[in-house]
């Protein structure tokens, strides 16, 4: 079985004992718990994938902004070495970004 748990061994033993006695017990509880277990596993997996994907998107945007700001800072350092921070602020604002 795909959802075999530690209780599955006990269930199998009780199934064997009931067959020896000639009693047939329907096995409906295992199917329900197995289905619930699969749904929970899928839900947890989906949430983890969404969280990891969101973090990767945020990290990529952060890196891109950092590299762009470093390039702007280097260009401002070459052109206006006295007022680098003012130049960086002006260029970032002109490009549509906001200063932190």
Protein backbone atom coordinates (compact mmCIF):
# COMPACT_ATOMS: atom_id res chain seq x y z
CA UNK A 1 0.00 0.00 0.00
CA UNK A 2 1.12 3.55 -0.69
CA UNK A 3 -0.06 4.83 2.70
CA UNK A 4 1.41 2.05 4.82
CA UNK A 5 2.02 3.28 8.37
CA UNK A 6 3.06 1.67 11.60
CA UNK A 7 -0.64 0.99 12.26
CA UNK A 8 -0.81 -0.87 8.96
CA UNK A 9 1.10 -3.80 10.45
CA UNK A 10 -1.38 -4.05 13.32
CA UNK A 11 -4.28 -3.78 10.89
CA UNK A 12 -2.81 -6.56 8.73
CA UNK A 13 -2.38 -8.77 11.78
CA UNK A 14 -6.00 -8.21 12.84
CA UNK A 15 -7.13 -8.90 9.25
CA UNK A 16 -5.30 -12.23 9.31
CA UNK A 17 -6.81 -13.12 12.67
CA UNK A 18 -10.31 -12.22 11.53
CA UNK A 19 -9.89 -14.30 8.35
CA UNK A 20 -8.81 -17.26 10.42
CA UNK A 21 -11.97 -16.88 12.48
CA UNK A 22 -14.09 -16.48 9.37
CA UNK A 23 -15.08 -12.87 10.16
CA UNK A 24 -14.80 -10.32 7.37
CA UNK A 25 -14.30 -6.74 8.56
CA UNK A 26 -14.69 -3.93 6.00
CA UNK A 27 -11.58 -1.76 5.68
CA UNK A 28 -13.09 1.71 5.22
CA UNK A 29 -11.19 3.64 7.87
CA UNK A 30 -7.78 3.07 6.23
CA UNK A 31 -8.96 4.49 2.88
CA UNK A 32 -10.30 7.64 4.48
CA UNK A 33 -7.20 8.29 6.56
CA UNK A 34 -4.99 7.54 3.56
CA UNK A 35 -6.94 10.04 1.45
CA UNK A 36 -6.76 12.68 4.16
CA UNK A 37 -3.05 12.06 4.54
CA UNK A 38 -2.51 12.55 0.80
CA UNK A 39 -4.54 15.77 0.79
CA UNK A 40 -2.52 17.12 3.72
CA UNK A 41 0.76 16.17 2.02
CA UNK A 42 -0.32 17.91 -1.21
CA UNK A 43 -1.48 21.01 0.69
CA UNK A 44 1.76 21.27 2.67
CA UNK A 45 3.82 20.71 -0.48
CA UNK A 46 1.87 23.34 -2.39
CA UNK A 47 2.26 25.90 0.39
CA UNK A 48 6.01 25.23 0.59
CA UNK A 49 6.42 25.59 -3.17
CA UNK A 50 4.49 28.87 -3.18
CA UNK A 51 6.55 30.23 -0.28
CA UNK A 52 9.84 29.22 -1.89
CA UNK A 53 8.77 30.68 -5.23
CA UNK A 54 7.70 33.95 -3.64
CA UNK A 55 10.98 34.21 -1.77
CA UNK A 56 12.95 33.54 -4.96
CA UNK A 57 11.03 36.26 -6.82
CA UNK A 58 11.61 38.74 -3.98
CA UNK A 59 15.32 37.84 -3.82
CA UNK A 60 15.71 38.25 -7.58
CA UNK A 61 14.07 41.69 -7.51
CA UNK A 62 16.24 42.70 -4.58
CA UNK A 63 19.44 41.60 -6.36
CA UNK A 64 18.41 43.36 -9.56
CA UNK A 65 17.77 46.62 -7.70
CA UNK A 66 21.05 46.29 -5.82
CA UNK A 67 23.06 45.76 -9.02
CA UNK A 68 21.30 48.69 -10.71
CA UNK A 69 22.02 50.95 -7.75
CA UNK A 70 25.68 49.87 -7.74
CA UNK A 71 25.95 50.72 -11.44
CA UNK A 72 24.32 54.12 -10.85
CA UNK A 73 26.63 54.78 -7.91
CA UNK A 74 29.72 53.92 -10.00
CA UNK A 75 28.56 56.19 -12.84
CA UNK A 76 27.83 59.03 -10.41
CA UNK A 77 31.25 58.55 -8.80
CA UNK A 78 32.89 59.00 -12.20
CA UNK A 79 30.81 62.04 -13.21
CA UNK A 80 30.20 63.87 -9.91
CA UNK A 81 32.63 62.62 -7.23
CA UNK A 82 31.71 65.43 -4.81
CA UNK A 83 27.97 64.75 -4.64
CA UNK A 84 27.63 61.02 -5.24
CA UNK A 85 24.65 60.42 -2.93
CA UNK A 86 22.69 63.35 -4.36
CA UNK A 87 23.38 62.10 -7.90
CA UNK A 88 22.27 58.55 -6.98
CA UNK A 89 19.06 59.83 -5.39
CA UNK A 90 18.27 61.97 -8.44
CA UNK A 91 18.87 59.17 -10.94
CA UNK A 92 16.88 56.62 -8.92
CA UNK A 93 13.93 59.00 -8.63
CA UNK A 94 14.09 59.85 -12.34
CA UNK A 95 14.01 56.17 -13.21
CA UNK A 96 10.81 55.72 -11.23
CA UNK A 97 12.25 54.14 -8.12
CA UNK A 98 11.75 55.44 -4.62
CA UNK A 99 14.50 56.04 -2.12
CA UNK A 100 14.34 53.96 1.01
